[in-house]
Amino acid sequence: MNPDRILTRLKLYREKAIDKEALEF
């Protein structure tokens, strides 16, 4: 597995979570 890819995926998940939180407000 490519660690860089995992980090990118985690970053995307984090951004999606932030978007969800923003939508709740």
PDB file of N, CA and C in Angstrom:
ATOM      1  N   MET A   1       0.843  -1.206   0.000  1.00  0.00           N
ATOM      2  CA  MET A   1       0.000   0.000   0.000  1.00  0.00           C
ATOM      3  C   MET A   1       0.875   1.253   0.000  1.00  0.00           C
ATOM      4  N   ASN A   2       0.394   2.263  -0.667  1.00  0.00           N
ATOM      5  CA  ASN A   2       1.148   3.513  -0.744  1.00  0.00           C
ATOM      6  C   ASN A   2       0.707   4.455   0.387  1.00  0.00           C
ATOM      7  N   PRO A   3       1.606   4.767   1.321  1.00  0.00           N
ATOM      8  CA  PRO A   3       1.241   5.649   2.445  1.00  0.00           C
ATOM      9  C   PRO A   3       0.718   7.002   1.972  1.00  0.00           C
ATOM     10  N   ASP A   4       1.300   7.497   0.880  1.00  0.00           N
ATOM     11  CA  ASP A   4       0.841   8.786   0.350  1.00  0.00           C
ATOM     12  C   ASP A   4      -0.637   8.723  -0.010  1.00  0.00           C
ATOM     13  N   ARG A   5      -1.021   7.604  -0.610  1.00  0.00           N
ATOM     14  CA  ARG A   5      -2.423   7.446  -1.023  1.00  0.00           C
ATOM     15  C   ARG A   5      -3.332   7.417   0.200  1.00  0.00           C
ATOM     16  N   ILE A   6      -2.883   6.724   1.240  1.00  0.00           N
ATOM     17  CA  ILE A   6      -3.693   6.633   2.462  1.00  0.00           C
ATOM     18  C   ILE A   6      -3.879   8.026   3.065  1.00  0.00           C
ATOM     19  N   LEU A   7      -2.792   8.797   3.100  1.00  0.00           N
ATOM     20  CA  LEU A   7      -2.885  10.152   3.659  1.00  0.00           C
ATOM     21  C   LEU A   7      -3.855  10.995   2.842  1.00  0.00           C
ATOM     22  N   THR A   8      -3.788  10.870   1.526  1.00  0.00           N
ATOM     23  CA  THR A   8      -4.695  11.643   0.670  1.00  0.00           C
ATOM     24  C   THR A   8      -6.140  11.258   0.945  1.00  0.00           C
ATOM     25  N   ARG A   9      -6.371   9.951   1.134  1.00  0.00           N
ATOM     26  CA  ARG A   9      -7.732   9.483   1.399  1.00  0.00           C
ATOM     27  C   ARG A   9      -8.221  10.017   2.740  1.00  0.00           C
ATOM     28  N   LEU A  10      -7.345   9.981   3.739  1.00  0.00           N
ATOM     29  CA  LEU A  10      -7.727  10.502   5.057  1.00  0.00           C
ATOM     30  C   LEU A  10      -8.066  11.983   4.953  1.00  0.00           C
ATOM     31  N   LYS A  11      -7.268  12.697   4.160  1.00  0.00           N
ATOM     32  CA  LYS A  11      -7.513  14.128   3.973  1.00  0.00           C
ATOM     33  C   LYS A  11      -8.891  14.342   3.353  1.00  0.00           C
ATOM     34  N   LEU A  12      -9.231  13.532   2.350  1.00  0.00           N
ATOM     35  CA  LEU A  12     -10.531  13.671   1.690  1.00  0.00           C
ATOM     36  C   LEU A  12     -11.662  13.389   2.671  1.00  0.00           C
ATOM     37  N   TYR A  13     -11.509  12.324   3.473  1.00  0.00           N
ATOM     38  CA  TYR A  13     -12.544  11.996   4.452  1.00  0.00           C
ATOM     39  C   TYR A  13     -12.723  13.153   5.432  1.00  0.00           C
ATOM     40  N   ARG A  14     -11.575  13.736   5.837  1.00  0.00           N
ATOM     41  CA  ARG A  14     -11.632  14.845   6.792  1.00  0.00           C
ATOM     42  C   ARG A  14     -12.381  16.021   6.178  1.00  0.00           C
ATOM     43  N   GLU A  15     -12.078  16.316   4.914  1.00  0.00           N
ATOM     44  CA  GLU A  15     -12.753  17.429   4.241  1.00  0.00           C
ATOM     45  C   GLU A  15     -14.250  17.158   4.126  1.00  0.00           C
ATOM     46  N   LYS A  16     -14.616  15.902   3.840  1.00  0.00           N
ATOM     47  CA  LYS A  16     -16.041  15.556   3.736  1.00  0.00           C
ATOM     48  C   LYS A  16     -16.721  15.745   5.086  1.00  0.00           C
ATOM     49  N   ALA A  17     -16.039  15.348   6.154  1.00  0.00           N
ATOM     50  CA  ALA A  17     -16.603  15.491   7.499  1.00  0.00           C
ATOM     51  C   ALA A  17     -16.814  16.967   7.813  1.00  0.00           C
ATOM     52  N   ILE A  18     -15.839  17.792   7.427  1.00  0.00           N
ATOM     53  CA  ILE A  18     -15.959  19.235   7.661  1.00  0.00           C
ATOM     54  C   ILE A  18     -17.152  19.777   6.875  1.00  0.00           C
ATOM     55  N   ASP A  19     -17.325  19.295   5.640  1.00  0.00           N
ATOM     56  CA  ASP A  19     -18.456  19.746   4.827  1.00  0.00           C
ATOM     57  C   ASP A  19     -19.767  19.371   5.508  1.00  0.00           C
ATOM     58  N   LYS A  20     -19.824  18.158   6.067  1.00  0.00           N
ATOM     59  CA  LYS A  20     -21.050  17.722   6.739  1.00  0.00           C
ATOM     60  C   LYS A  20     -21.335  18.628   7.928  1.00  0.00           C
ATOM     61  N   GLU A  21     -20.299  18.945   8.708  1.00  0.00           N
ATOM     62  CA  GLU A  21     -20.482  19.812   9.870  1.00  0.00           C
ATOM     63  C   GLU A  21     -20.961  21.189   9.435  1.00  0.00           C
ATOM     64  N   ALA A  22     -20.409  21.676   8.327  1.00  0.00           N
ATOM     65  CA  ALA A  22     -20.800  22.996   7.829  1.00  0.00           C
ATOM     66  C   ALA A  22     -22.265  22.981   7.397  1.00  0.00           C
ATOM     67  N   LEU A  23     -22.696  21.860   6.800  1.00  0.00           N
ATOM     68  CA  LEU A  23     -24.087  21.770   6.344  1.00  0.00           C
ATOM     69  C   LEU A  23     -25.050  21.760   7.524  1.00  0.00           C
ATOM     70  N   GLU A  24     -24.612  21.184   8.656  1.00  0.00           N
ATOM     71  CA  GLU A  24     -25.501  21.102   9.818  1.00  0.00           C
ATOM     72  C   GLU A  24     -25.796  22.481  10.395  1.00  0.00           C
ATOM     73  N   PHE A  25     -24.874  23.430  10.212  1.00  0.00           N
ATOM     74  CA  PHE A  25     -25.081  24.761  10.797  1.00  0.00           C
ATOM     75  C   PHE A  25     -26.045  25.597   9.976  1.00  0.00           C
TER      76      PHE A  25
END
